[in-house]
N, C-alpha and C. Protein backbone atom coordinates (compact mmCIF):
# COMPACT_ATOMS: atom_id res chain seq x y z
N UNK A 1 -44.24 14.80 42.35
CA UNK A 1 -44.79 13.74 43.03
C UNK A 1 -43.96 14.06 44.27
N UNK A 2 -44.26 13.53 45.57
CA UNK A 2 -43.53 13.67 46.33
C UNK A 2 -42.42 12.69 46.29
N UNK A 3 -41.33 12.65 47.41
CA UNK A 3 -40.52 11.67 47.28
C UNK A 3 -40.94 10.28 48.10
N UNK A 4 -41.85 10.09 48.81
CA UNK A 4 -42.45 9.39 49.51
C UNK A 4 -43.10 8.35 48.12
N UNK A 5 -44.11 8.86 47.51
CA UNK A 5 -44.62 8.15 46.46
C UNK A 5 -43.46 8.08 44.93
N UNK A 6 -42.60 8.74 45.09
CA UNK A 6 -41.46 8.42 44.18
C UNK A 6 -40.55 7.44 44.23
N UNK A 7 -40.71 6.98 45.71
CA UNK A 7 -39.72 5.68 46.24
C UNK A 7 -41.03 4.43 46.22
N UNK A 8 -42.18 4.79 46.55
CA UNK A 8 -42.70 3.58 46.59
C UNK A 8 -43.07 3.20 44.97
N UNK A 9 -43.17 3.93 43.95
CA UNK A 9 -43.21 3.72 42.82
C UNK A 9 -41.93 2.91 42.12
N UNK A 10 -41.12 3.20 42.26
CA UNK A 10 -39.23 3.06 42.08
C UNK A 10 -39.13 1.51 42.71
N UNK A 11 -39.49 1.33 43.70
CA UNK A 11 -39.72 -0.01 44.25
C UNK A 11 -40.56 -1.06 43.71
N UNK A 12 -41.55 -0.34 43.34
CA UNK A 12 -42.73 -1.15 42.57
C UNK A 12 -42.14 -1.53 41.20
N UNK A 13 -41.68 -0.32 40.67
CA UNK A 13 -41.31 -1.05 39.24
C UNK A 13 -40.09 -2.02 39.23
N UNK A 14 -38.87 -1.98 39.79
CA UNK A 14 -37.76 -2.34 40.26
C UNK A 14 -38.10 -4.08 40.45
N UNK A 15 -39.56 -4.08 41.51
CA UNK A 15 -39.68 -5.40 41.99
C UNK A 15 -40.51 -6.15 40.80
N UNK A 16 -41.66 -5.53 39.84
CA UNK A 16 -41.98 -5.98 39.31
C UNK A 16 -41.40 -6.13 37.85
N UNK A 17 -40.18 -5.45 37.35
CA UNK A 17 -39.71 -5.47 36.40
C UNK A 17 -38.40 -6.37 36.45
N UNK A 18 -37.83 -6.69 37.91
CA UNK A 18 -36.68 -7.33 38.22
C UNK A 18 -35.39 -6.74 37.50
N UNK A 19 -35.36 -5.40 37.94
CA UNK A 19 -33.98 -4.49 37.76
C UNK A 19 -33.70 -3.63 38.71
N UNK A 20 -32.71 -3.67 39.33
CA UNK A 20 -32.39 -2.61 40.33
C UNK A 20 -31.63 -1.38 39.94
N UNK A 21 -31.48 -1.77 38.45
CA UNK A 21 -31.15 -0.40 37.89
C UNK A 21 -32.23 0.67 37.48
N UNK A 22 -33.53 0.42 37.59
CA UNK A 22 -34.38 1.42 37.60
C UNK A 22 -34.32 2.43 38.45
N UNK A 23 -34.70 3.53 38.06
CA UNK A 23 -34.59 5.13 38.95
C UNK A 23 -35.86 5.80 38.67
N UNK A 24 -36.66 6.53 39.22
CA UNK A 24 -37.42 7.37 39.13
C UNK A 24 -37.21 8.35 39.73
N UNK A 25 -37.28 9.89 39.21
CA UNK A 25 -36.91 10.86 40.04
C UNK A 25 -37.79 12.04 39.13
N UNK A 26 -38.43 12.72 40.15
CA UNK A 26 -38.93 13.81 40.06
C UNK A 26 -38.67 14.96 38.89
N UNK A 27 -39.83 15.42 38.38
CA UNK A 27 -39.62 16.22 37.19
C UNK A 27 -39.64 18.08 38.17
N UNK A 28 -38.82 18.64 37.44
CA UNK A 28 -38.93 20.34 37.85
C UNK A 28 -40.15 20.86 37.32
N UNK A 29 -40.55 21.34 38.52
CA UNK A 29 -41.67 22.02 38.53
C UNK A 29 -43.01 21.07 37.73
N UNK A 30 -42.80 20.04 37.70
CA UNK A 30 -44.26 18.93 37.59
C UNK A 30 -44.38 18.10 38.49
N UNK A 31 -45.47 18.59 39.39
CA UNK A 31 -45.98 18.12 40.46
C UNK A 31 -46.81 16.34 40.42
N UNK A 32 -46.89 16.30 39.01
CA UNK A 32 -48.34 14.91 38.72
C UNK A 32 -46.96 13.90 37.85
N UNK A 33 -45.79 14.39 37.84
CA UNK A 33 -44.95 12.98 36.93
C UNK A 33 -43.61 13.14 37.48
N UNK A 34 -43.13 12.21 36.88
CA UNK A 34 -41.70 11.89 37.23
C UNK A 34 -41.06 11.14 35.87
N UNK A 35 -39.65 11.12 35.97
CA UNK A 35 -39.17 10.59 34.77
C UNK A 35 -38.76 9.20 35.50
N UNK A 36 -38.58 8.36 34.17
CA UNK A 36 -37.68 6.96 34.36
C UNK A 36 -36.87 6.46 33.79
N UNK A 37 -35.50 6.15 34.41
CA UNK A 37 -34.23 5.93 33.76
C UNK A 37 -33.49 4.28 34.15
N UNK A 38 -33.20 4.02 33.54
CA UNK A 38 -32.02 2.64 33.31
C UNK A 38 -31.27 2.88 33.24
N UNK A 39 -30.15 2.41 34.46
CA UNK A 39 -28.58 2.70 33.66
C UNK A 39 -28.52 4.18 33.32
N UNK A 40 -29.16 5.03 33.82
CA UNK A 40 -28.82 6.83 33.59
C UNK A 40 -29.72 6.91 31.97
N UNK A 41 -30.31 6.16 31.76
CA UNK A 41 -30.79 6.40 30.13
C UNK A 41 -32.45 6.31 30.11
N UNK A 42 -32.90 7.73 29.69
CA UNK A 42 -34.31 8.00 29.96
C UNK A 42 -35.40 7.03 29.06
N UNK A 43 -36.13 6.41 29.92
CA UNK A 43 -36.84 5.53 29.24
C UNK A 43 -38.47 5.89 29.49
N UNK A 44 -38.96 7.01 30.03
CA UNK A 44 -40.24 7.29 30.22
C UNK A 44 -40.52 8.08 31.37
N UNK A 45 -41.96 8.07 31.19
CA UNK A 45 -42.76 9.18 32.31
C UNK A 45 -43.57 8.47 33.19
N UNK A 46 -43.83 8.75 34.22
CA UNK A 46 -44.64 8.05 35.47
C UNK A 46 -45.58 9.23 35.43
N UNK A 47 -46.83 9.17 35.31
CA UNK A 47 -48.22 10.48 35.71
C UNK A 47 -48.91 9.98 36.71
N UNK A 48 -49.51 10.74 37.38
CA UNK A 48 -50.05 10.48 38.45
C UNK A 48 -51.65 11.14 38.06
N UNK A 49 -52.60 10.45 38.12
CA UNK A 49 -53.92 10.33 37.74
C UNK A 49 -54.89 10.43 39.34
N UNK A 50 -55.78 11.44 39.19
CA UNK A 50 -56.46 11.58 40.22
C UNK A 50 -58.00 11.89 40.04
N UNK A 51 -58.31 10.81 39.76
CA UNK A 51 -59.85 11.22 39.01
C UNK A 51 -60.84 10.24 39.96
N UNK A 52 -62.30 11.02 40.09
CA UNK A 52 -62.92 10.35 41.05
C UNK A 52 -62.46 9.59 42.53
N UNK A 53 -61.48 10.56 43.26
CA UNK A 53 -61.21 9.97 44.30
C UNK A 53 -60.52 9.14 44.48
N UNK A 54 -60.06 8.25 42.78
CA UNK A 54 -59.03 7.29 42.94
C UNK A 54 -57.69 7.69 42.30
N UNK A 55 -56.62 6.79 43.10
CA UNK A 55 -55.48 7.79 42.51
C UNK A 55 -54.90 6.49 41.41
N UNK A 56 -54.16 6.48 40.63
CA UNK A 56 -53.36 5.65 39.90
C UNK A 56 -52.18 6.24 39.26
N UNK A 57 -51.30 5.52 38.62
CA UNK A 57 -50.02 5.90 37.87
C UNK A 57 -49.98 5.35 36.74
N UNK A 58 -49.88 5.95 35.67
CA UNK A 58 -49.56 5.58 33.96
C UNK A 58 -48.04 5.97 33.88
N UNK A 59 -47.39 5.10 33.17
CA UNK A 59 -46.17 4.82 32.83
C UNK A 59 -46.28 5.06 31.74
N UNK A 60 -45.79 5.73 30.86
CA UNK A 60 -45.63 6.21 29.38
C UNK A 60 -44.54 6.02 28.54
N UNK A 61 -43.81 5.13 27.63
CA UNK A 61 -42.89 4.57 27.48
C UNK A 61 -42.78 4.63 25.71
N UNK A 62 -42.13 5.65 25.02
CA UNK A 62 -42.25 5.71 23.58
C UNK A 62 -40.75 4.73 22.92
N UNK A 63 -40.96 3.83 22.09
CA UNK A 63 -40.47 3.25 21.85
C UNK A 63 -40.37 3.47 19.73
N UNK A 64 -39.10 4.26 19.60
CA UNK A 64 -38.96 4.26 17.98
C UNK A 64 -38.79 3.02 17.23
N UNK A 65 -39.33 3.47 15.81
CA UNK A 65 -39.26 2.18 15.03
C UNK A 65 -37.66 1.74 14.61
N UNK A 66 -37.08 2.71 14.60
CA UNK A 66 -35.59 2.34 14.15
C UNK A 66 -34.82 1.84 15.58
N UNK A 67 -35.45 1.62 16.76
CA UNK A 67 -34.63 0.77 17.94
C UNK A 67 -35.28 -0.05 17.79
N UNK A 68 -36.47 -0.80 17.25
CA UNK A 68 -36.53 -2.27 16.79
C UNK A 68 -36.56 -3.18 15.60
N UNK A 69 -35.73 -2.23 14.41
CA UNK A 69 -35.63 -3.23 13.80
C UNK A 69 -34.01 -3.15 13.27
């Protein structure tokens, strides 16, 4: 993803989730996705989906069972 899209997604996540510590960074050799971190800790991946002429973004976050017990 380009820097403009990444910046817009980062601003959206920061506003929506109420945290200025969220950072979205492009992934090396991946034009359709970006990593999401909070305070430097990896939390998930944003994927760009261009289907039927519409663009949307999917946020994929894995939560391990040991993290919630």
